[in-house]
Amino acid sequence: MLLGNVIQDQRKKLNLSQSELANGICTQAIISKMENQNISPSINILISICQKLHLTLDNVFSEFSSLPSSNLISDKLQSMDQTVQDKNTENLTKMIKTIKEDTLPSSEKAHLHFLIALYSESIQNNDDAVFQLNYSLELLQNRKTFWGTIIYAELGYIYSSKDQVDKTNYYYDLAYSNIENLIINSSNEFYYYRLMITRISSWYMEHQNLDRSNDLIEIGLHKFHQYFTGEFTDVLYFNAAKNSLNSTPIDYNRLSHALTTAIAFADYNNNQPLLDKIKKLMSDNNINELKIKP
């Protein structure tokens, strides 16, 4: 019996739809491809699906192993993405050295050079980071994809750290123009997605483009809820509060709700620097009482 049949049979026994099985793990399209086309997922997705279906890898692996293996590089790249989130740059550079770049398709090669750029940033080598990111863009046939948008945003972030306003606006505007149509396929992609939105919304807020900043905040808070994490939520609500203060007239209900929620998530994330910023903002603006939105 093929892997797709194993997954499908067990899913139906548990009265789960494809969307219900995919929720919090991957997209419904991935489940469909597994069941109908025997297209294998990454090992992390496979483990999560097995856990949800009360299966073990032994139940599915004999059938799975006979399929063409195309996921070894994908699994390594996902592991490297997780290393980025864990801020373990020492492991990242070790993992980069294990990949034979010549065998990669262009999209995975672009992903790899994006990771190399992040490593270069971590050691304060922004010139090499810019080179790696531009090389990644050259490898992509379509730059309006997830990785094209993320790379644009990372270039904008580097130039913002150099106070190069025109270049920052150029790359952030390119990223912004693609954000609404992006598709997210994993929790690792969601991490990059929300990091990008948090950075760009902060930039637009600081440069008085409140419409775009608020638009990004709404997208960041309410899209792809299946991958939701409390990380960055505190900053997004804090940005929403600051935008409210800069609006005319000030919507005090929205301001109060945004600050209350920012405090709650900052406390949840143990983000003391942000809690200090919230306290200062309230003191500077004589905000002495907050009301939770009903």
C-alpha atoms as a PDB file:
ATOM      1  CA  MET A   1       0.000   0.000   0.000  1.00  0.00           C
ATOM      2  CA  LEU A   2       1.299   3.417  -0.943  1.00  0.00           C
ATOM      3  CA  LEU A   3       1.887   6.198   1.558  1.00  0.00           C
ATOM      4  CA  GLY A   4      -0.961   8.262   0.110  1.00  0.00           C
ATOM      5  CA  ASN A   5      -3.435   5.470   0.761  1.00  0.00           C
ATOM      6  CA  VAL A   6      -2.199   5.014   4.325  1.00  0.00           C
ATOM      7  CA  ILE A   7      -2.664   8.705   5.081  1.00  0.00           C
ATOM      8  CA  GLN A   8      -6.037   8.898   3.348  1.00  0.00           C
ATOM      9  CA  ASP A   9      -7.467   5.761   4.956  1.00  0.00           C
ATOM     10  CA  GLN A  10      -6.477   6.814   8.475  1.00  0.00           C
ATOM     11  CA  ARG A  11      -7.713  10.367   7.930  1.00  0.00           C
ATOM     12  CA  LYS A  12     -11.122   9.067   6.892  1.00  0.00           C
ATOM     13  CA  LYS A  13     -11.258   6.667   9.847  1.00  0.00           C
ATOM     14  CA  LEU A  14     -10.815   9.673  12.130  1.00  0.00           C
ATOM     15  CA  ASN A  15     -13.458  11.667  10.200  1.00  0.00           C
ATOM     16  CA  LEU A  16     -11.000  14.428   9.321  1.00  0.00           C
ATOM     17  CA  SER A  17     -11.143  16.516   6.171  1.00  0.00           C
ATOM     18  CA  GLN A  18      -7.922  17.312   4.339  1.00  0.00           C
ATOM     19  CA  SER A  19      -8.129  20.883   5.642  1.00  0.00           C
ATOM     20  CA  GLU A  20      -8.589  19.680   9.235  1.00  0.00           C
ATOM     21  CA  LEU A  21      -5.584  17.378   8.937  1.00  0.00           C
ATOM     22  CA  ALA A  22      -3.491  20.155   7.409  1.00  0.00           C
ATOM     23  CA  ASN A  23      -4.457  22.737  10.043  1.00  0.00           C
ATOM     24  CA  GLY A  24      -1.360  23.848  11.949  1.00  0.00           C
ATOM     25  CA  ILE A  25       0.949  21.580   9.926  1.00  0.00           C
ATOM     26  CA  CYS A  26       0.921  22.453   6.239  1.00  0.00           C
ATOM     27  CA  THR A  27      -1.485  23.423   3.465  1.00  0.00           C
ATOM     28  CA  GLN A  28      -4.453  21.399   2.271  1.00  0.00           C
ATOM     29  CA  ALA A  29      -2.746  21.193  -1.128  1.00  0.00           C
ATOM     30  CA  ILE A  30       0.176  19.271   0.396  1.00  0.00           C
ATOM     31  CA  ILE A  31      -2.204  16.706   1.935  1.00  0.00           C
ATOM     32  CA  SER A  32      -3.955  16.341  -1.418  1.00  0.00           C
ATOM     33  CA  LYS A  33      -0.671  15.763  -3.252  1.00  0.00           C
ATOM     34  CA  MET A  34       0.403  13.187  -0.670  1.00  0.00           C
ATOM     35  CA  GLU A  35      -2.850  11.255  -0.913  1.00  0.00           C
ATOM     36  CA  ASN A  36      -3.476  11.485  -4.654  1.00  0.00           C
ATOM     37  CA  GLN A  37      -0.024  11.782  -6.192  1.00  0.00           C
ATOM     38  CA  ASN A  38       2.231  10.125  -3.584  1.00  0.00           C
ATOM     39  CA  ILE A  39       4.322  13.292  -3.413  1.00  0.00           C
ATOM     40  CA  SER A  40       6.375  13.115  -0.252  1.00  0.00           C
ATOM     41  CA  PRO A  41       6.503  15.937   2.329  1.00  0.00           C
ATOM     42  CA  SER A  42       9.456  16.983   4.433  1.00  0.00           C
ATOM     43  CA  ILE A  43      10.215  14.732   7.375  1.00  0.00           C
ATOM     44  CA  ASN A  44       8.979  17.362   9.866  1.00  0.00           C
ATOM     45  CA  ILE A  45       5.593  17.534   8.139  1.00  0.00           C
ATOM     46  CA  LEU A  46       5.422  13.739   7.901  1.00  0.00           C
ATOM     47  CA  ILE A  47       6.075  13.366  11.636  1.00  0.00           C
ATOM     48  CA  SER A  48       3.397  15.931  12.503  1.00  0.00           C
ATOM     49  CA  ILE A  49       0.861  14.232  10.237  1.00  0.00           C
ATOM     50  CA  CYS A  50       1.632  10.828  11.744  1.00  0.00           C
ATOM     51  CA  GLN A  51       1.173  12.218  15.245  1.00  0.00           C
ATOM     52  CA  LYS A  52      -2.179  13.757  14.337  1.00  0.00           C
ATOM     53  CA  LEU A  53      -3.355  10.524  12.715  1.00  0.00           C
ATOM     54  CA  HIS A  54      -2.015   8.317  15.547  1.00  0.00           C
ATOM     55  CA  LEU A  55       0.360   6.600  13.135  1.00  0.00           C
ATOM     56  CA  THR A  56       4.050   5.860  13.511  1.00  0.00           C
ATOM     57  CA  LEU A  57       6.737   6.307  10.881  1.00  0.00           C
ATOM     58  CA  ASP A  58       6.924   2.510  10.735  1.00  0.00           C
ATOM     59  CA  ASN A  59       3.321   2.479   9.509  1.00  0.00           C
ATOM     60  CA  VAL A  60       4.171   4.580   6.486  1.00  0.00           C
ATOM     61  CA  PHE A  61       7.913   4.483   5.967  1.00  0.00           C
ATOM     62  CA  SER A  62       8.264   1.236   4.017  1.00  0.00           C
ATOM     63  CA  GLU A  63       5.945   2.561   1.328  1.00  0.00           C
ATOM     64  CA  PHE A  64       7.399   6.050   1.608  1.00  0.00           C
ATOM     65  CA  SER A  65      10.977   4.894   1.193  1.00  0.00           C
ATOM     66  CA  SER A  66      10.250   3.352  -2.219  1.00  0.00           C
ATOM     67  CA  LEU A  67       9.313   6.751  -3.606  1.00  0.00           C
ATOM     68  CA  PRO A  68      11.932   8.921  -5.302  1.00  0.00           C
ATOM     69  CA  SER A  69      13.693  10.887  -2.578  1.00  0.00           C
ATOM     70  CA  SER A  70      13.772  14.601  -3.315  1.00  0.00           C
ATOM     71  CA  ASN A  71      13.525  15.924   0.201  1.00  0.00           C
ATOM     72  CA  LEU A  72      16.998  15.530   1.674  1.00  0.00           C
ATOM     73  CA  ILE A  73      18.069  19.023   0.593  1.00  0.00           C
ATOM     74  CA  SER A  74      14.651  20.440   1.469  1.00  0.00           C
ATOM     75  CA  ASP A  75      14.925  18.968   4.968  1.00  0.00           C
ATOM     76  CA  LYS A  76      18.397  20.478   5.390  1.00  0.00           C
ATOM     77  CA  LEU A  77      17.157  23.890   4.297  1.00  0.00           C
ATOM     78  CA  GLN A  78      14.244  23.682   6.734  1.00  0.00           C
ATOM     79  CA  SER A  79      16.630  22.684   9.512  1.00  0.00           C
ATOM     80  CA  MET A  80      18.774  25.692   8.647  1.00  0.00           C
ATOM     81  CA  ASP A  81      15.683  27.929   8.742  1.00  0.00           C
ATOM     82  CA  GLN A  82      14.974  26.616  12.217  1.00  0.00           C
ATOM     83  CA  THR A  83      18.582  27.318  13.200  1.00  0.00           C
ATOM     84  CA  VAL A  84      18.054  30.939  12.109  1.00  0.00           C
ATOM     85  CA  GLN A  85      15.011  31.179  14.381  1.00  0.00           C
ATOM     86  CA  ASP A  86      17.033  29.672  17.224  1.00  0.00           C
ATOM     87  CA  LYS A  87      19.760  32.271  16.534  1.00  0.00           C
ATOM     88  CA  ASN A  88      22.373  29.519  16.385  1.00  0.00           C
ATOM     89  CA  THR A  89      24.664  30.942  13.699  1.00  0.00           C
ATOM     90  CA  GLU A  90      27.518  28.582  14.574  1.00  0.00           C
ATOM     91  CA  ASN A  91      25.394  25.595  13.543  1.00  0.00           C
ATOM     92  CA  LEU A  92      24.117  27.475  10.496  1.00  0.00           C
ATOM     93  CA  THR A  93      27.553  27.867   8.941  1.00  0.00           C
ATOM     94  CA  LYS A  94      28.339  24.194   9.612  1.00  0.00           C
ATOM     95  CA  MET A  95      25.131  23.115   7.881  1.00  0.00           C
ATOM     96  CA  ILE A  96      25.757  25.389   4.876  1.00  0.00           C
ATOM     97  CA  LYS A  97      29.030  23.550   4.221  1.00  0.00           C
ATOM     98  CA  THR A  98      27.220  20.186   3.953  1.00  0.00           C
ATOM     99  CA  ILE A  99      25.152  21.184   0.890  1.00  0.00           C
ATOM    100  CA  LYS A 100      26.412  20.578  -2.641  1.00  0.00           C
ATOM    101  CA  GLU A 101      25.132  23.642  -4.416  1.00  0.00           C
ATOM    102  CA  ASP A 102      25.652  22.381  -7.980  1.00  0.00           C
ATOM    103  CA  THR A 103      22.859  19.812  -7.606  1.00  0.00           C
ATOM    104  CA  LEU A 104      20.222  22.301  -6.438  1.00  0.00           C
ATOM    105  CA  PRO A 105      17.352  23.682  -8.509  1.00  0.00           C
ATOM    106  CA  SER A 106      17.354  27.471  -8.810  1.00  0.00           C
ATOM    107  CA  SER A 107      14.682  28.067  -6.121  1.00  0.00           C
ATOM    108  CA  GLU A 108      16.546  26.023  -3.504  1.00  0.00           C
ATOM    109  CA  LYS A 109      19.827  27.622  -4.532  1.00  0.00           C
ATOM    110  CA  ALA A 110      18.239  31.052  -3.966  1.00  0.00           C
ATOM    111  CA  HIS A 111      17.032  29.852  -0.543  1.00  0.00           C
ATOM    112  CA  LEU A 112      20.560  28.687   0.292  1.00  0.00           C
ATOM    113  CA  HIS A 113      22.157  32.015  -0.625  1.00  0.00           C
ATOM    114  CA  PHE A 114      19.509  33.823   1.411  1.00  0.00           C
ATOM    115  CA  LEU A 115      20.673  31.783   4.414  1.00  0.00           C
ATOM    116  CA  ILE A 116      24.300  32.551   3.614  1.00  0.00           C
ATOM    117  CA  ALA A 117      23.340  36.236   3.579  1.00  0.00           C
ATOM    118  CA  LEU A 118      21.783  35.915   7.031  1.00  0.00           C
ATOM    119  CA  TYR A 119      24.977  34.353   8.307  1.00  0.00           C
ATOM    120  CA  SER A 120      27.005  37.214   6.792  1.00  0.00           C
ATOM    121  CA  GLU A 121      24.728  39.712   8.538  1.00  0.00           C
ATOM    122  CA  SER A 122      25.247  37.919  11.843  1.00  0.00           C
ATOM    123  CA  ILE A 123      29.007  38.509  11.597  1.00  0.00           C
ATOM    124  CA  GLN A 124      28.518  42.146  10.524  1.00  0.00           C
ATOM    125  CA  ASN A 125      29.545  41.533   6.916  1.00  0.00           C
ATOM    126  CA  ASN A 126      26.727  43.443   5.242  1.00  0.00           C
ATOM    127  CA  ASP A 127      28.578  43.840   1.945  1.00  0.00           C
ATOM    128  CA  ASP A 128      28.695  40.089   1.458  1.00  0.00           C
ATOM    129  CA  ALA A 129      25.064  39.819   2.617  1.00  0.00           C
ATOM    130  CA  VAL A 130      23.981  42.275  -0.095  1.00  0.00           C
ATOM    131  CA  PHE A 131      25.979  40.302  -2.679  1.00  0.00           C
ATOM    132  CA  GLN A 132      24.385  37.004  -1.606  1.00  0.00           C
ATOM    133  CA  LEU A 133      20.867  38.474  -1.654  1.00  0.00           C
ATOM    134  CA  ASN A 134      21.318  39.982  -5.114  1.00  0.00           C
ATOM    135  CA  TYR A 135      22.694  36.676  -6.354  1.00  0.00           C
ATOM    136  CA  SER A 136      19.597  34.972  -4.914  1.00  0.00           C
ATOM    137  CA  LEU A 137      17.380  37.357  -6.886  1.00  0.00           C
ATOM    138  CA  GLU A 138      19.291  36.561 -10.084  1.00  0.00           C
ATOM    139  CA  LEU A 139      18.571  32.873  -9.563  1.00  0.00           C
ATOM    140  CA  LEU A 140      14.795  33.370  -9.319  1.00  0.00           C
ATOM    141  CA  GLN A 141      12.801  33.286 -12.541  1.00  0.00           C
ATOM    142  CA  ASN A 142       9.839  34.903 -10.784  1.00  0.00           C
ATOM    143  CA  ARG A 143      10.623  37.438  -8.082  1.00  0.00           C
ATOM    144  CA  LYS A 144       6.991  37.832  -7.016  1.00  0.00           C
ATOM    145  CA  THR A 145       7.231  34.542  -5.146  1.00  0.00           C
ATOM    146  CA  PHE A 146       7.676  34.043  -1.403  1.00  0.00           C
ATOM    147  CA  TRP A 147      11.481  33.995  -1.546  1.00  0.00           C
ATOM    148  CA  GLY A 148      11.700  36.929  -3.936  1.00  0.00           C
ATOM    149  CA  THR A 149       9.597  39.015  -1.559  1.00  0.00           C
ATOM    150  CA  ILE A 150      11.576  37.940   1.509  1.00  0.00           C
ATOM    151  CA  ILE A 151      14.862  38.755  -0.246  1.00  0.00           C
ATOM    152  CA  TYR A 152      13.612  42.224  -1.226  1.00  0.00           C
ATOM    153  CA  ALA A 153      12.641  42.811   2.409  1.00  0.00           C
ATOM    154  CA  GLU A 154      16.024  41.647   3.700  1.00  0.00           C
ATOM    155  CA  LEU A 155      17.815  44.032   1.333  1.00  0.00           C
ATOM    156  CA  GLY A 156      15.594  46.841   2.602  1.00  0.00           C
ATOM    157  CA  TYR A 157      16.435  45.913   6.188  1.00  0.00           C
ATOM    158  CA  ILE A 158      20.184  46.039   5.514  1.00  0.00           C
ATOM    159  CA  TYR A 159      19.920  49.465   3.863  1.00  0.00           C
ATOM    160  CA  SER A 160      17.745  50.728   6.721  1.00  0.00           C
ATOM    161  CA  SER A 161      20.540  49.793   9.141  1.00  0.00           C
ATOM    162  CA  LYS A 162      22.829  51.995   7.027  1.00  0.00           C
ATOM    163  CA  ASP A 163      20.304  54.880   7.052  1.00  0.00           C
ATOM    164  CA  GLN A 164      20.074  54.735   3.258  1.00  0.00           C
ATOM    165  CA  VAL A 165      16.470  55.879   2.991  1.00  0.00           C
ATOM    166  CA  ASP A 166      16.011  55.782  -0.791  1.00  0.00           C
ATOM    167  CA  LYS A 167      17.334  52.228  -1.140  1.00  0.00           C
ATOM    168  CA  THR A 168      15.332  51.090   1.882  1.00  0.00           C
ATOM    169  CA  ASN A 169      12.136  52.516   0.411  1.00  0.00           C
ATOM    170  CA  TYR A 170      12.898  50.943  -2.970  1.00  0.00           C
ATOM    171  CA  TYR A 171      13.244  47.404  -1.634  1.00  0.00           C
ATOM    172  CA  TYR A 172      10.520  47.685   0.984  1.00  0.00           C
ATOM    173  CA  ASP A 173       8.119  49.001  -1.672  1.00  0.00           C
ATOM    174  CA  LEU A 174       8.945  45.997  -3.877  1.00  0.00           C
ATOM    175  CA  ALA A 175       8.279  43.639  -0.979  1.00  0.00           C
ATOM    176  CA  TYR A 176       5.077  45.460  -0.017  1.00  0.00           C
ATOM    177  CA  SER A 177       3.703  45.162  -3.550  1.00  0.00           C
ATOM    178  CA  ASN A 178       3.931  41.345  -3.342  1.00  0.00           C
ATOM    179  CA  ILE A 179       2.795  40.675   0.225  1.00  0.00           C
ATOM    180  CA  GLU A 180      -0.954  40.415  -0.333  1.00  0.00           C
ATOM    181  CA  ASN A 181      -0.633  37.509  -2.795  1.00  0.00           C
ATOM    182  CA  LEU A 182       1.943  35.390  -0.972  1.00  0.00           C
ATOM    183  CA  ILE A 183       1.294  31.783  -0.042  1.00  0.00           C
ATOM    184  CA  ILE A 184       2.843  30.354   3.148  1.00  0.00           C
ATOM    185  CA  ASN A 185       3.595  26.621   3.285  1.00  0.00           C
ATOM    186  CA  SER A 186       5.327  26.094   6.631  1.00  0.00           C
ATOM    187  CA  SER A 187       5.912  27.545  10.079  1.00  0.00           C
ATOM    188  CA  ASN A 188       9.473  28.433   9.032  1.00  0.00           C
ATOM    189  CA  GLU A 189       8.163  30.501   6.127  1.00  0.00           C
ATOM    190  CA  PHE A 190       5.647  32.117   8.471  1.00  0.00           C
ATOM    191  CA  TYR A 191       8.507  33.205  10.732  1.00  0.00           C
ATOM    192  CA  TYR A 192      10.246  35.032   7.868  1.00  0.00           C
ATOM    193  CA  TYR A 193       6.893  36.416   6.716  1.00  0.00           C
ATOM    194  CA  ARG A 194       5.993  37.974  10.062  1.00  0.00           C
ATOM    195  CA  LEU A 195       9.521  39.230  10.650  1.00  0.00           C
ATOM    196  CA  MET A 196       9.358  40.952   7.266  1.00  0.00           C
ATOM    197  CA  ILE A 197       5.953  42.503   7.982  1.00  0.00           C
ATOM    198  CA  THR A 198       7.062  43.680  11.430  1.00  0.00           C
ATOM    199  CA  ARG A 199      10.156  45.383  10.035  1.00  0.00           C
ATOM    200  CA  ILE A 200       8.403  47.030   7.092  1.00  0.00           C
ATOM    201  CA  SER A 201       5.426  48.213   9.155  1.00  0.00           C
ATOM    202  CA  SER A 202       7.872  49.749  11.631  1.00  0.00           C
ATOM    203  CA  TRP A 203       9.715  51.522   8.797  1.00  0.00           C
ATOM    204  CA  TYR A 204       6.543  52.944   7.271  1.00  0.00           C
ATOM    205  CA  MET A 205       5.374  54.057  10.706  1.00  0.00           C
ATOM    206  CA  GLU A 206       8.629  55.888  11.383  1.00  0.00           C
ATOM    207  CA  HIS A 207       8.383  57.603   7.983  1.00  0.00           C
ATOM    208  CA  GLN A 208       4.733  58.620   8.434  1.00  0.00           C
ATOM    209  CA  ASN A 209       3.226  56.242   5.894  1.00  0.00           C
ATOM    210  CA  LEU A 210       0.526  55.208   8.345  1.00  0.00           C
ATOM    211  CA  ASP A 211      -1.818  53.704   5.748  1.00  0.00           C
ATOM    212  CA  ARG A 212       0.753  51.162   4.634  1.00  0.00           C
ATOM    213  CA  SER A 213       1.911  50.542   8.178  1.00  0.00           C
ATOM    214  CA  ASN A 214      -1.646  49.838   9.371  1.00  0.00           C
ATOM    215  CA  ASP A 215      -2.302  47.665   6.323  1.00  0.00           C
ATOM    216  CA  LEU A 216       0.736  45.533   7.118  1.00  0.00           C
ATOM    217  CA  ILE A 217      -0.188  45.297  10.787  1.00  0.00           C
ATOM    218  CA  GLU A 218      -3.616  43.920   9.856  1.00  0.00           C
ATOM    219  CA  ILE A 219      -2.074  41.407   7.444  1.00  0.00           C
ATOM    220  CA  GLY A 220       0.556  40.373   9.981  1.00  0.00           C
ATOM    221  CA  LEU A 221      -1.973  39.828  12.733  1.00  0.00           C
ATOM    222  CA  HIS A 222      -4.775  38.110  10.858  1.00  0.00           C
ATOM    223  CA  LYS A 223      -3.448  36.099   7.896  1.00  0.00           C
ATOM    224  CA  PHE A 224      -2.221  32.494   8.044  1.00  0.00           C
ATOM    225  CA  HIS A 225      -3.579  31.955  11.559  1.00  0.00           C
ATOM    226  CA  GLN A 226      -2.747  28.237  11.311  1.00  0.00           C
ATOM    227  CA  TYR A 227       0.899  29.164  11.828  1.00  0.00           C
ATOM    228  CA  PHE A 228       0.235  31.742  14.520  1.00  0.00           C
ATOM    229  CA  THR A 229       2.903  32.493  17.080  1.00  0.00           C
ATOM    230  CA  GLY A 230       3.056  35.128  19.785  1.00  0.00           C
ATOM    231  CA  GLU A 231       6.440  36.270  18.458  1.00  0.00           C
ATOM    232  CA  PHE A 232       6.280  39.744  16.874  1.00  0.00           C
ATOM    233  CA  THR A 233       2.619  40.195  17.909  1.00  0.00           C
ATOM    234  CA  ASP A 234       3.645  42.457  20.787  1.00  0.00           C
ATOM    235  CA  VAL A 235       5.609  44.759  18.457  1.00  0.00           C
ATOM    236  CA  LEU A 236       2.809  44.871  15.886  1.00  0.00           C
ATOM    237  CA  TYR A 237       0.267  45.969  18.504  1.00  0.00           C
ATOM    238  CA  PHE A 238       2.757  48.499  19.882  1.00  0.00           C
ATOM    239  CA  ASN A 239       3.153  49.882  16.359  1.00  0.00           C
ATOM    240  CA  ALA A 240      -0.647  50.062  16.054  1.00  0.00           C
ATOM    241  CA  ALA A 241      -0.747  52.107  19.283  1.00  0.00           C
ATOM    242  CA  LYS A 242       1.898  54.522  18.016  1.00  0.00           C
ATOM    243  CA  ASN A 243       0.036  54.901  14.724  1.00  0.00           C
ATOM    244  CA  SER A 244      -3.128  55.757  16.664  1.00  0.00           C
ATOM    245  CA  LEU A 245      -1.288  58.506  18.513  1.00  0.00           C
ATOM    246  CA  ASN A 246      -0.115  59.934  15.190  1.00  0.00           C
ATOM    247  CA  SER A 247      -3.589  59.906  13.646  1.00  0.00           C
ATOM    248  CA  THR A 248      -6.061  62.796  13.636  1.00  0.00           C
ATOM    249  CA  PRO A 249      -8.339  62.526  15.473  1.00  0.00           C
ATOM    250  CA  ILE A 250      -6.900  59.990  17.885  1.00  0.00           C
ATOM    251  CA  ASP A 251      -9.061  56.887  18.282  1.00  0.00           C
ATOM    252  CA  TYR A 252      -8.612  56.372  22.020  1.00  0.00           C
ATOM    253  CA  ASN A 253     -10.488  53.057  22.070  1.00  0.00           C
ATOM    254  CA  ARG A 254      -8.157  51.620  19.437  1.00  0.00           C
ATOM    255  CA  LEU A 255      -5.143  53.111  21.205  1.00  0.00           C
ATOM    256  CA  SER A 256      -6.144  51.631  24.542  1.00  0.00           C
ATOM    257  CA  HIS A 257      -6.852  48.209  23.069  1.00  0.00           C
ATOM    258  CA  ALA A 258      -3.563  48.149  21.144  1.00  0.00           C
ATOM    259  CA  LEU A 259      -1.526  49.085  24.216  1.00  0.00           C
ATOM    260  CA  THR A 260      -3.309  46.561  26.429  1.00  0.00           C
ATOM    261  CA  THR A 261      -2.700  43.784  23.920  1.00  0.00           C
ATOM    262  CA  ALA A 262       0.919  44.846  23.354  1.00  0.00           C
ATOM    263  CA  ILE A 263       1.531  44.669  27.104  1.00  0.00           C
ATOM    264  CA  ALA A 264      -0.066  41.219  27.323  1.00  0.00           C
ATOM    265  CA  PHE A 265       2.000  39.770  24.473  1.00  0.00           C
ATOM    266  CA  ALA A 266       5.204  41.504  25.580  1.00  0.00           C
ATOM    267  CA  ASP A 267       4.737  39.952  29.002  1.00  0.00           C
ATOM    268  CA  TYR A 268       4.013  36.568  27.388  1.00  0.00           C
ATOM    269  CA  ASN A 269       7.154  36.858  25.254  1.00  0.00           C
ATOM    270  CA  ASN A 270       9.202  38.104  28.217  1.00  0.00           C
ATOM    271  CA  ASN A 271      10.060  41.150  26.082  1.00  0.00           C
ATOM    272  CA  GLN A 272      11.225  43.560  28.778  1.00  0.00           C
ATOM    273  CA  PRO A 273      12.744  46.114  26.353  1.00  0.00           C
ATOM    274  CA  LEU A 274       9.340  46.514  24.713  1.00  0.00           C
ATOM    275  CA  LEU A 275       7.587  46.764  28.077  1.00  0.00           C
ATOM    276  CA  ASP A 276       9.968  49.617  28.904  1.00  0.00           C
ATOM    277  CA  LYS A 277       9.104  51.337  25.606  1.00  0.00           C
ATOM    278  CA  ILE A 278       5.381  50.980  26.325  1.00  0.00           C
ATOM    279  CA  LYS A 279       5.833  52.462  29.782  1.00  0.00           C
ATOM    280  CA  LYS A 280       7.730  55.431  28.337  1.00  0.00           C
ATOM    281  CA  LEU A 281       5.144  55.952  25.594  1.00  0.00           C
ATOM    282  CA  MET A 282       2.352  56.035  28.164  1.00  0.00           C
ATOM    283  CA  SER A 283       4.287  58.412  30.398  1.00  0.00           C
ATOM    284  CA  ASP A 284       5.195  60.752  27.535  1.00  0.00           C
ATOM    285  CA  ASN A 285       1.558  60.928  26.406  1.00  0.00           C
ATOM    286  CA  ASN A 286      -0.038  61.084  29.892  1.00  0.00           C
ATOM    287  CA  ILE A 287      -1.860  57.784  29.396  1.00  0.00           C
ATOM    288  CA  ASN A 288      -2.824  56.661  32.881  1.00  0.00           C
ATOM    289  CA  GLU A 289      -5.672  54.233  32.255  1.00  0.00           C
ATOM    290  CA  LEU A 290      -6.254  51.496  29.694  1.00  0.00           C
ATOM    291  CA  LYS A 291      -9.514  49.834  28.771  1.00  0.00           C
ATOM    292  CA  ILE A 292      -9.732  46.420  27.186  1.00  0.00           C
ATOM    293  CA  LYS A 293     -11.754  46.424  23.978  1.00  0.00           C
ATOM    294  CA  PRO A 294     -15.151  44.740  24.663  1.00  0.00           C
END
